[in-house]
């Protein structure tokens, strides 16, 4: 959830392809690819050149967020002690999938 555009594209694609359960928090984003341009006076701007569409609805992913299959929040006070609750849950889920 700490990412944006590319983080959104990755999470969405992982879920869309059915690779495994998506674990974490909602990931907002654009999943739109753009390029930056610069003007002579130093001002720069970006223009979206390519967007990604949902394969089911045909809707662009712009202004969507990807909802995880299993919502797990990394809590302050836990993360700063070196634990990643999302990763721990992911390992639990994967062990169940492989029968471990």
PDB file of N, CA and C in Angstrom:
ATOM      1  N   UNK A   1       0.816  -1.209   0.000  1.00  0.00           N
ATOM      2  CA  UNK A   1       0.000   0.000   0.000  1.00  0.00           C
ATOM      3  C   UNK A   1       0.847   1.255   0.000  1.00  0.00           C
ATOM      4  N   UNK A   2       2.139   1.117   0.200  1.00  0.00           N
ATOM      5  CA  UNK A   2       3.018   2.265   0.205  1.00  0.00           C
ATOM      6  C   UNK A   2       3.499   2.641  -1.190  1.00  0.00           C
ATOM      7  N   UNK A   3       2.988   1.986  -2.209  1.00  0.00           N
ATOM      8  CA  UNK A   3       3.385   2.262  -3.588  1.00  0.00           C
ATOM      9  C   UNK A   3       2.234   2.918  -4.335  1.00  0.00           C
ATOM     10  N   UNK A   4       2.522   3.304  -5.543  1.00  0.00           N
ATOM     11  CA  UNK A   4       1.475   3.889  -6.369  1.00  0.00           C
ATOM     12  C   UNK A   4       1.539   3.200  -7.726  1.00  0.00           C
ATOM     13  N   UNK A   5       1.481   3.863  -8.777  1.00  0.00           N
ATOM     14  CA  UNK A   5       1.279   3.361 -10.128  1.00  0.00           C
ATOM     15  C   UNK A   5       1.856   1.964 -10.404  1.00  0.00           C
ATOM     16  N   UNK A   6       3.174   1.812 -10.368  1.00  0.00           N
ATOM     17  CA  UNK A   6       3.744   0.494 -10.671  1.00  0.00           C
ATOM     18  C   UNK A   6       3.366  -0.542  -9.620  1.00  0.00           C
ATOM     19  N   UNK A   7       3.301  -0.106  -8.361  1.00  0.00           N
ATOM     20  CA  UNK A   7       2.862  -1.024  -7.309  1.00  0.00           C
ATOM     21  C   UNK A   7       1.434  -1.482  -7.537  1.00  0.00           C
ATOM     22  N   UNK A   8       0.601  -0.586  -8.041  1.00  0.00           N
ATOM     23  CA  UNK A   8      -0.781  -0.919  -8.362  1.00  0.00           C
ATOM     24  C   UNK A   8      -0.828  -1.893  -9.534  1.00  0.00           C
ATOM     25  N   UNK A   9      -0.049  -1.650 -10.569  1.00  0.00           N
ATOM     26  CA  UNK A   9      -0.033  -2.540 -11.739  1.00  0.00           C
ATOM     27  C   UNK A   9       0.381  -3.946 -11.334  1.00  0.00           C
ATOM     28  N   UNK A  10       1.407  -4.049 -10.532  1.00  0.00           N
ATOM     29  CA  UNK A  10       1.903  -5.369 -10.124  1.00  0.00           C
ATOM     30  C   UNK A  10       0.859  -6.108  -9.302  1.00  0.00           C
ATOM     31  N   UNK A  11       0.284  -5.426  -8.306  1.00  0.00           N
ATOM     32  CA  UNK A  11      -0.715  -6.078  -7.445  1.00  0.00           C
ATOM     33  C   UNK A  11      -1.943  -6.484  -8.249  1.00  0.00           C
ATOM     34  N   UNK A  12      -2.397  -5.610  -9.146  1.00  0.00           N
ATOM     35  CA  UNK A  12      -3.561  -5.924  -9.963  1.00  0.00           C
ATOM     36  C   UNK A  12      -3.292  -7.139 -10.856  1.00  0.00           C
ATOM     37  N   UNK A  13      -2.134  -7.148 -11.533  1.00  0.00           N
ATOM     38  CA  UNK A  13      -1.796  -8.239 -12.444  1.00  0.00           C
ATOM     39  C   UNK A  13      -1.654  -9.560 -11.684  1.00  0.00           C
ATOM     40  N   UNK A  14      -1.031  -9.528 -10.531  1.00  0.00           N
ATOM     41  CA  UNK A  14      -0.870 -10.730  -9.700  1.00  0.00           C
ATOM     42  C   UNK A  14      -2.239 -11.323  -9.374  1.00  0.00           C
ATOM     43  N   UNK A  15      -3.151 -10.472  -8.975  1.00  0.00           N
ATOM     44  CA  UNK A  15      -4.497 -10.916  -8.627  1.00  0.00           C
ATOM     45  C   UNK A  15      -5.268 -11.359  -9.874  1.00  0.00           C
ATOM     46  N   UNK A  16      -5.190 -10.575 -10.938  1.00  0.00           N
ATOM     47  CA  UNK A  16      -5.906 -10.873 -12.184  1.00  0.00           C
ATOM     48  C   UNK A  16      -5.466 -12.212 -12.767  1.00  0.00           C
ATOM     49  N   UNK A  17      -4.177 -12.536 -12.660  1.00  0.00           N
ATOM     50  CA  UNK A  17      -3.652 -13.774 -13.219  1.00  0.00           C
ATOM     51  C   UNK A  17      -3.901 -14.973 -12.311  1.00  0.00           C
ATOM     52  N   UNK A  18      -4.394 -14.720 -11.085  1.00  0.00           N
ATOM     53  CA  UNK A  18      -4.692 -15.817 -10.175  1.00  0.00           C
ATOM     54  C   UNK A  18      -3.460 -16.557  -9.689  1.00  0.00           C
ATOM     55  N   UNK A  19      -2.358 -15.844  -9.553  1.00  0.00           N
ATOM     56  CA  UNK A  19      -1.106 -16.468  -9.143  1.00  0.00           C
ATOM     57  C   UNK A  19      -1.200 -17.004  -7.719  1.00  0.00           C
ATOM     58  N   UNK A  20      -1.900 -16.294  -6.879  1.00  0.00           N
ATOM     59  CA  UNK A  20      -2.060 -16.684  -5.479  1.00  0.00           C
ATOM     60  C   UNK A  20      -2.854 -15.609  -4.782  1.00  0.00           C
ATOM     61  N   UNK A  21      -3.118 -15.800  -3.505  1.00  0.00           N
ATOM     62  CA  UNK A  21      -3.875 -14.776  -2.783  1.00  0.00           C
ATOM     63  C   UNK A  21      -3.051 -13.494  -2.647  1.00  0.00           C
ATOM     64  N   UNK A  22      -3.728 -12.380  -2.831  1.00  0.00           N
ATOM     65  CA  UNK A  22      -3.093 -11.083  -2.664  1.00  0.00           C
ATOM     66  C   UNK A  22      -3.305 -10.659  -1.219  1.00  0.00           C
ATOM     67  N   UNK A  23      -2.217 -10.442  -0.512  1.00  0.00           N
ATOM     68  CA  UNK A  23      -2.271 -10.179   0.924  1.00  0.00           C
ATOM     69  C   UNK A  23      -1.659  -8.821   1.206  1.00  0.00           C
ATOM     70  N   UNK A  24      -2.351  -8.025   1.994  1.00  0.00           N
ATOM     71  CA  UNK A  24      -1.843  -6.708   2.357  1.00  0.00           C
ATOM     72  C   UNK A  24      -2.989  -5.740   2.529  1.00  0.00           C
ATOM     73  N   UNK A  25      -2.794  -4.543   2.063  1.00  0.00           N
ATOM     74  CA  UNK A  25      -3.796  -3.480   2.145  1.00  0.00           C
ATOM     75  C   UNK A  25      -4.129  -3.007   0.737  1.00  0.00           C
ATOM     76  N   UNK A  26      -5.253  -2.294   0.566  1.00  0.00           N
ATOM     77  CA  UNK A  26      -5.589  -1.782  -0.760  1.00  0.00           C
ATOM     78  C   UNK A  26      -4.450  -0.958  -1.358  1.00  0.00           C
ATOM     79  N   UNK A  27      -4.263  -1.115  -2.666  1.00  0.00           N
ATOM     80  CA  UNK A  27      -3.203  -0.404  -3.369  1.00  0.00           C
ATOM     81  C   UNK A  27      -3.837   0.556  -4.369  1.00  0.00           C
ATOM     82  N   UNK A  28      -3.799   1.868  -4.082  1.00  0.00           N
ATOM     83  CA  UNK A  28      -4.342   2.828  -5.043  1.00  0.00           C
ATOM     84  C   UNK A  28      -3.349   3.055  -6.170  1.00  0.00           C
ATOM     85  N   UNK A  29      -3.845   3.533  -7.278  1.00  0.00           N
ATOM     86  CA  UNK A  29      -2.905   3.834  -8.334  1.00  0.00           C
ATOM     87  C   UNK A  29      -3.550   4.180  -9.641  1.00  0.00           C
ATOM     88  N   UNK A  30      -2.711   4.271 -10.638  1.00  0.00           N
ATOM     89  CA  UNK A  30      -3.170   4.637 -11.953  1.00  0.00           C
ATOM     90  C   UNK A  30      -2.946   3.527 -12.959  1.00  0.00           C
ATOM     91  N   UNK A  31      -1.840   2.834 -12.820  1.00  0.00           N
ATOM     92  CA  UNK A  31      -1.458   1.820 -13.803  1.00  0.00           C
ATOM     93  C   UNK A  31      -1.448   2.448 -15.198  1.00  0.00           C
ATOM     94  N   UNK A  32      -1.007   3.693 -15.252  1.00  0.00           N
ATOM     95  CA  UNK A  32      -0.897   4.433 -16.501  1.00  0.00           C
ATOM     96  C   UNK A  32       0.571   4.788 -16.700  1.00  0.00           C
ATOM     97  N   UNK A  33       1.045   4.608 -17.905  1.00  0.00           N
ATOM     98  CA  UNK A  33       2.448   4.871 -18.194  1.00  0.00           C
ATOM     99  C   UNK A  33       2.564   6.204 -18.925  1.00  0.00           C
ATOM    100  N   UNK A  34       3.476   7.019 -18.482  1.00  0.00           N
ATOM    101  CA  UNK A  34       3.636   8.336 -19.081  1.00  0.00           C
ATOM    102  C   UNK A  34       5.095   8.675 -19.251  1.00  0.00           C
ATOM    103  N   UNK A  35       5.313   9.723 -19.961  1.00  0.00           N
ATOM    104  CA  UNK A  35       6.672  10.200 -20.164  1.00  0.00           C
ATOM    105  C   UNK A  35       6.772  11.664 -19.793  1.00  0.00           C
ATOM    106  N   UNK A  36       7.888  12.037 -19.266  1.00  0.00           N
ATOM    107  CA  UNK A  36       8.101  13.425 -18.879  1.00  0.00           C
ATOM    108  C   UNK A  36       8.786  14.215 -19.977  1.00  0.00           C
ATOM    109  N   UNK A  37       8.441  15.452 -20.052  1.00  0.00           N
ATOM    110  CA  UNK A  37       9.051  16.359 -21.014  1.00  0.00           C
ATOM    111  C   UNK A  37       9.504  17.612 -20.271  1.00  0.00           C
ATOM    112  N   UNK A  38      10.518  18.242 -20.763  1.00  0.00           N
ATOM    113  CA  UNK A  38      11.007  19.474 -20.156  1.00  0.00           C
ATOM    114  C   UNK A  38      10.916  20.648 -21.114  1.00  0.00           C
ATOM    115  N   UNK A  39      10.610  21.810 -20.567  1.00  0.00           N
ATOM    116  CA  UNK A  39      10.578  23.039 -21.350  1.00  0.00           C
ATOM    117  C   UNK A  39      11.883  23.805 -21.133  1.00  0.00           C
ATOM    118  N   UNK A  40      12.136  24.780 -21.974  1.00  0.00           N
ATOM    119  CA  UNK A  40      13.372  25.549 -21.890  1.00  0.00           C
ATOM    120  C   UNK A  40      13.512  26.298 -20.568  1.00  0.00           C
ATOM    121  N   UNK A  41      12.391  26.683 -19.959  1.00  0.00           N
ATOM    122  CA  UNK A  41      12.470  27.447 -18.718  1.00  0.00           C
ATOM    123  C   UNK A  41      12.612  26.537 -17.482  1.00  0.00           C
ATOM    124  N   UNK A  42      12.789  25.225 -17.710  1.00  0.00           N
ATOM    125  CA  UNK A  42      13.005  24.299 -16.601  1.00  0.00           C
ATOM    126  C   UNK A  42      11.753  23.612 -16.089  1.00  0.00           C
ATOM    127  N   UNK A  43      10.599  24.030 -16.541  1.00  0.00           N
ATOM    128  CA  UNK A  43       9.354  23.384 -16.129  1.00  0.00           C
ATOM    129  C   UNK A  43       9.258  22.032 -16.826  1.00  0.00           C
ATOM    130  N   UNK A  44       8.849  21.037 -16.080  1.00  0.00           N
ATOM    131  CA  UNK A  44       8.648  19.728 -16.697  1.00  0.00           C
ATOM    132  C   UNK A  44       7.210  19.274 -16.466  1.00  0.00           C
ATOM    133  N   UNK A  45       6.744  18.432 -17.330  1.00  0.00           N
ATOM    134  CA  UNK A  45       5.380  17.918 -17.241  1.00  0.00           C
ATOM    135  C   UNK A  45       5.357  16.479 -17.756  1.00  0.00           C
ATOM    136  N   UNK A  46       4.324  15.763 -17.413  1.00  0.00           N
ATOM    137  CA  UNK A  46       4.179  14.397 -17.880  1.00  0.00           C
ATOM    138  C   UNK A  46       2.859  14.214 -18.598  1.00  0.00           C
ATOM    139  N   UNK A  47       2.879  13.366 -19.592  1.00  0.00           N
ATOM    140  CA  UNK A  47       1.670  13.064 -20.359  1.00  0.00           C
ATOM    141  C   UNK A  47       1.475  11.551 -20.344  1.00  0.00           C
ATOM    142  N   UNK A  48       0.298  11.083 -19.883  1.00  0.00           N
ATOM    143  CA  UNK A  48       0.037   9.643 -19.935  1.00  0.00           C
ATOM    144  C   UNK A  48      -0.006   9.180 -21.389  1.00  0.00           C
ATOM    145  N   UNK A  49       0.804   8.204 -21.702  1.00  0.00           N
ATOM    146  CA  UNK A  49       0.885   7.726 -23.079  1.00  0.00           C
ATOM    147  C   UNK A  49       0.188   6.381 -23.263  1.00  0.00           C
ATOM    148  N   UNK A  50       0.077   5.616 -22.193  1.00  0.00           N
ATOM    149  CA  UNK A  50      -0.505   4.285 -22.309  1.00  0.00           C
ATOM    150  C   UNK A  50      -1.182   3.924 -21.001  1.00  0.00           C
ATOM    151  N   UNK A  51      -2.377   3.405 -21.108  1.00  0.00           N
ATOM    152  CA  UNK A  51      -3.105   2.952 -19.933  1.00  0.00           C
ATOM    153  C   UNK A  51      -3.341   1.453 -19.997  1.00  0.00           C
ATOM    154  N   UNK A  52      -3.609   0.873 -18.880  1.00  0.00           N
ATOM    155  CA  UNK A  52      -3.881  -0.564 -18.785  1.00  0.00           C
ATOM    156  C   UNK A  52      -5.365  -0.743 -18.514  1.00  0.00           C
ATOM    157  N   UNK A  53      -5.980  -1.690 -19.224  1.00  0.00           N
ATOM    158  CA  UNK A  53      -7.404  -1.950 -19.056  1.00  0.00           C
ATOM    159  C   UNK A  53      -7.634  -3.272 -18.324  1.00  0.00           C
ATOM    160  N   UNK A  54      -8.687  -3.299 -17.532  1.00  0.00           N
ATOM    161  CA  UNK A  54      -9.145  -4.527 -16.913  1.00  0.00           C
ATOM    162  C   UNK A  54      -9.634  -5.450 -18.027  1.00  0.00           C
ATOM    163  N   UNK A  55      -9.186  -6.690 -18.022  1.00  0.00           N
ATOM    164  CA  UNK A  55      -9.523  -7.602 -19.110  1.00  0.00           C
ATOM    165  C   UNK A  55     -10.985  -8.048 -19.082  1.00  0.00           C
ATOM    166  N   UNK A  56     -11.620  -7.963 -17.933  1.00  0.00           N
ATOM    167  CA  UNK A  56     -13.010  -8.381 -17.831  1.00  0.00           C
ATOM    168  C   UNK A  56     -13.963  -7.274 -18.259  1.00  0.00           C
ATOM    169  N   UNK A  57     -13.737  -6.068 -17.746  1.00  0.00           N
ATOM    170  CA  UNK A  57     -14.674  -4.969 -17.994  1.00  0.00           C
ATOM    171  C   UNK A  57     -14.251  -4.056 -19.137  1.00  0.00           C
ATOM    172  N   UNK A  58     -12.986  -4.079 -19.501  1.00  0.00           N
ATOM    173  CA  UNK A  58     -12.482  -3.172 -20.521  1.00  0.00           C
ATOM    174  C   UNK A  58     -12.240  -1.765 -20.009  1.00  0.00           C
ATOM    175  N   UNK A  59     -12.426  -1.565 -18.722  1.00  0.00           N
ATOM    176  CA  UNK A  59     -12.241  -0.246 -18.117  1.00  0.00           C
ATOM    177  C   UNK A  59     -10.769  -0.010 -17.793  1.00  0.00           C
ATOM    178  N   UNK A  60     -10.305   1.213 -18.060  1.00  0.00           N
ATOM    179  CA  UNK A  60      -8.939   1.560 -17.680  1.00  0.00           C
ATOM    180  C   UNK A  60      -8.799   1.507 -16.159  1.00  0.00           C
ATOM    181  N   UNK A  61      -7.612   1.160 -15.686  1.00  0.00           N
ATOM    182  CA  UNK A  61      -7.369   1.058 -14.241  1.00  0.00           C
ATOM    183  C   UNK A  61      -7.118   2.401 -13.579  1.00  0.00           C
ATOM    184  N   UNK A  62      -7.071   3.444 -14.373  1.00  0.00           N
ATOM    185  CA  UNK A  62      -6.896   4.803 -13.834  1.00  0.00           C
ATOM    186  C   UNK A  62      -7.937   5.063 -12.745  1.00  0.00           C
ATOM    187  N   UNK A  63      -7.486   5.575 -11.607  1.00  0.00           N
ATOM    188  CA  UNK A  63      -8.341   5.925 -10.470  1.00  0.00           C
ATOM    189  C   UNK A  63      -9.009   4.732  -9.796  1.00  0.00           C
ATOM    190  N   UNK A  64      -8.478   3.555  -9.980  1.00  0.00           N
ATOM    191  CA  UNK A  64      -8.939   2.364  -9.256  1.00  0.00           C
ATOM    192  C   UNK A  64      -7.988   2.105  -8.106  1.00  0.00           C
ATOM    193  N   UNK A  65      -8.387   1.205  -7.261  1.00  0.00           N
ATOM    194  CA  UNK A  65      -7.425   0.621  -6.333  1.00  0.00           C
ATOM    195  C   UNK A  65      -7.674  -0.873  -6.317  1.00  0.00           C
ATOM    196  N   UNK A  66      -6.626  -1.617  -6.063  1.00  0.00           N
ATOM    197  CA  UNK A  66      -6.724  -3.066  -6.001  1.00  0.00           C
ATOM    198  C   UNK A  66      -6.985  -3.467  -4.561  1.00  0.00           C
ATOM    199  N   UNK A  67      -8.030  -4.234  -4.357  1.00  0.00           N
ATOM    200  CA  UNK A  67      -8.386  -4.725  -3.029  1.00  0.00           C
ATOM    201  C   UNK A  67      -7.754  -6.096  -2.826  1.00  0.00           C
ATOM    202  N   UNK A  68      -7.047  -6.305  -1.733  1.00  0.00           N
ATOM    203  CA  UNK A  68      -6.425  -7.605  -1.508  1.00  0.00           C
ATOM    204  C   UNK A  68      -7.473  -8.678  -1.204  1.00  0.00           C
ATOM    205  N   UNK A  69      -7.092  -9.919  -1.442  1.00  0.00           N
ATOM    206  CA  UNK A  69      -7.960 -11.042  -1.072  1.00  0.00           C
ATOM    207  C   UNK A  69      -8.016 -11.183   0.448  1.00  0.00           C
ATOM    208  N   UNK A  70      -6.875 -10.936   1.082  1.00  0.00           N
ATOM    209  CA  UNK A  70      -6.768 -11.021   2.541  1.00  0.00           C
ATOM    210  C   UNK A  70      -6.149  -9.720   3.028  1.00  0.00           C
ATOM    211  N   UNK A  71      -6.936  -8.943   3.766  1.00  0.00           N
ATOM    212  CA  UNK A  71      -6.443  -7.649   4.240  1.00  0.00           C
ATOM    213  C   UNK A  71      -5.675  -7.822   5.540  1.00  0.00           C
ATOM    214  N   UNK A  72      -4.404  -7.384   5.515  1.00  0.00           N
ATOM    215  CA  UNK A  72      -3.543  -7.436   6.699  1.00  0.00           C
ATOM    216  C   UNK A  72      -2.791  -6.117   6.766  1.00  0.00           C
ATOM    217  N   UNK A  73      -2.915  -5.430   7.881  1.00  0.00           N
ATOM    218  CA  UNK A  73      -2.220  -4.152   8.076  1.00  0.00           C
ATOM    219  C   UNK A  73      -0.946  -4.388   8.884  1.00  0.00           C
ATOM    220  N   UNK A  74       0.150  -3.819   8.416  1.00  0.00           N
ATOM    221  CA  UNK A  74       1.377  -3.797   9.207  1.00  0.00           C
ATOM    222  C   UNK A  74       1.215  -2.704  10.252  1.00  0.00           C
ATOM    223  N   UNK A  75       1.211  -3.081  11.499  1.00  0.00           N
ATOM    224  CA  UNK A  75       0.930  -2.137  12.581  1.00  0.00           C
ATOM    225  C   UNK A  75       2.186  -1.431  13.072  1.00  0.00           C
ATOM    226  N   UNK A  76       2.077  -0.109  13.291  1.00  0.00           N
ATOM    227  CA  UNK A  76       3.186   0.599  13.926  1.00  0.00           C
ATOM    228  C   UNK A  76       3.443  -0.028  15.298  1.00  0.00           C
ATOM    229  N   UNK A  77       4.675  -0.076  15.680  1.00  0.00           N
ATOM    230  CA  UNK A  77       5.014  -0.712  16.947  1.00  0.00           C
ATOM    231  C   UNK A  77       5.364  -2.183  16.763  1.00  0.00           C
ATOM    232  N   UNK A  78       4.918  -2.746  15.666  1.00  0.00           N
ATOM    233  CA  UNK A  78       5.274  -4.128  15.326  1.00  0.00           C
ATOM    234  C   UNK A  78       6.323  -4.095  14.215  1.00  0.00           C
ATOM    235  N   UNK A  79       6.047  -3.312  13.182  1.00  0.00           N
ATOM    236  CA  UNK A  79       6.980  -3.203  12.063  1.00  0.00           C
ATOM    237  C   UNK A  79       8.323  -2.653  12.523  1.00  0.00           C
ATOM    238  N   UNK A  80       8.282  -1.650  13.409  1.00  0.00           N
ATOM    239  CA  UNK A  80       9.548  -1.063  13.837  1.00  0.00           C
ATOM    240  C   UNK A  80      10.339  -1.970  14.764  1.00  0.00           C
ATOM    241  N   UNK A  81       9.773  -3.104  15.135  1.00  0.00           N
ATOM    242  CA  UNK A  81      10.528  -4.123  15.876  1.00  0.00           C
ATOM    243  C   UNK A  81      11.029  -5.222  14.945  1.00  0.00           C
ATOM    244  N   UNK A  82      10.860  -4.985  13.622  1.00  0.00           N
ATOM    245  CA  UNK A  82      11.420  -5.909  12.641  1.00  0.00           C
ATOM    246  C   UNK A  82      10.474  -6.995  12.149  1.00  0.00           C
ATOM    247  N   UNK A  83       9.192  -6.931  12.506  1.00  0.00           N
ATOM    248  CA  UNK A  83       8.230  -7.925  12.042  1.00  0.00           C
ATOM    249  C   UNK A  83       7.398  -7.357  10.902  1.00  0.00           C
ATOM    250  N   UNK A  84       7.116  -8.178   9.923  1.00  0.00           N
ATOM    251  CA  UNK A  84       6.270  -7.792   8.799  1.00  0.00           C
ATOM    252  C   UNK A  84       5.052  -8.711   8.832  1.00  0.00           C
ATOM    253  N   UNK A  85       3.935  -8.196   9.325  1.00  0.00           N
ATOM    254  CA  UNK A  85       2.737  -9.006   9.506  1.00  0.00           C
ATOM    255  C   UNK A  85       2.162  -9.476   8.167  1.00  0.00           C
ATOM    256  N   UNK A  86       2.329  -8.683   7.127  1.00  0.00           N
ATOM    257  CA  UNK A  86       1.845  -9.093   5.808  1.00  0.00           C
ATOM    258  C   UNK A  86       2.657 -10.276   5.286  1.00  0.00           C
ATOM    259  N   UNK A  87       3.955 -10.201   5.440  1.00  0.00           N
ATOM    260  CA  UNK A  87       4.817 -11.294   5.003  1.00  0.00           C
ATOM    261  C   UNK A  87       4.553 -12.555   5.826  1.00  0.00           C
ATOM    262  N   UNK A  88       4.372 -12.395   7.111  1.00  0.00           N
ATOM    263  CA  UNK A  88       4.074 -13.549   7.967  1.00  0.00           C
ATOM    264  C   UNK A  88       2.783 -14.240   7.519  1.00  0.00           C
ATOM    265  N   UNK A  89       1.752 -13.458   7.209  1.00  0.00           N
ATOM    266  CA  UNK A  89       0.479 -14.035   6.765  1.00  0.00           C
ATOM    267  C   UNK A  89       0.636 -14.696   5.402  1.00  0.00           C
ATOM    268  N   UNK A  90       1.431 -14.086   4.534  1.00  0.00           N
ATOM    269  CA  UNK A  90       1.670 -14.674   3.214  1.00  0.00           C
ATOM    270  C   UNK A  90       2.338 -16.039   3.343  1.00  0.00           C
ATOM    271  N   UNK A  91       3.297 -16.155   4.238  1.00  0.00           N
ATOM    272  CA  UNK A  91       3.966 -17.444   4.458  1.00  0.00           C
ATOM    273  C   UNK A  91       2.968 -18.466   4.989  1.00  0.00           C
ATOM    274  N   UNK A  92       2.116 -18.064   5.938  1.00  0.00           N
ATOM    275  CA  UNK A  92       1.084 -18.971   6.465  1.00  0.00           C
ATOM    276  C   UNK A  92       0.182 -19.476   5.334  1.00  0.00           C
ATOM    277  N   UNK A  93      -0.263 -18.563   4.484  1.00  0.00           N
ATOM    278  CA  UNK A  93      -1.158 -18.931   3.389  1.00  0.00           C
ATOM    279  C   UNK A  93      -0.470 -19.865   2.398  1.00  0.00           C
ATOM    280  N   UNK A  94       0.783 -19.562   2.060  1.00  0.00           N
ATOM    281  CA  UNK A  94       1.514 -20.418   1.129  1.00  0.00           C
ATOM    282  C   UNK A  94       1.749 -21.811   1.708  1.00  0.00           C
ATOM    283  N   UNK A  95       2.056 -21.881   2.992  1.00  0.00           N
ATOM    284  CA  UNK A  95       2.236 -23.196   3.615  1.00  0.00           C
ATOM    285  C   UNK A  95       0.944 -24.005   3.555  1.00  0.00           C
ATOM    286  N   UNK A  96      -0.190 -23.370   3.732  1.00  0.00           N
ATOM    287  CA  UNK A  96      -1.463 -24.077   3.603  1.00  0.00           C
ATOM    288  C   UNK A  96      -1.678 -24.572   2.178  1.00  0.00           C
ATOM    289  N   UNK A  97      -1.305 -23.748   1.201  1.00  0.00           N
ATOM    290  CA  UNK A  97      -1.478 -24.132  -0.196  1.00  0.00           C
ATOM    291  C   UNK A  97      -0.631 -25.337  -0.589  1.00  0.00           C
ATOM    292  N   UNK A  98       0.555 -25.425  -0.025  1.00  0.00           N
ATOM    293  CA  UNK A  98       1.454 -26.551  -0.378  1.00  0.00           C
ATOM    294  C   UNK A  98       1.330 -27.708   0.617  1.00  0.00           C
ATOM    295  N   UNK A  99       0.440 -27.555   1.580  1.00  0.00           N
ATOM    296  CA  UNK A  99       0.205 -28.644   2.537  1.00  0.00           C
ATOM    297  C   UNK A  99       1.266 -28.749   3.618  1.00  0.00           C
ATOM    298  N   UNK A 100       1.862 -27.606   3.988  1.00  0.00           N
ATOM    299  CA  UNK A 100       2.938 -27.632   4.965  1.00  0.00           C
ATOM    300  C   UNK A 100       2.545 -27.367   6.343  1.00  0.00           C
TER     301      UNK A 100
END
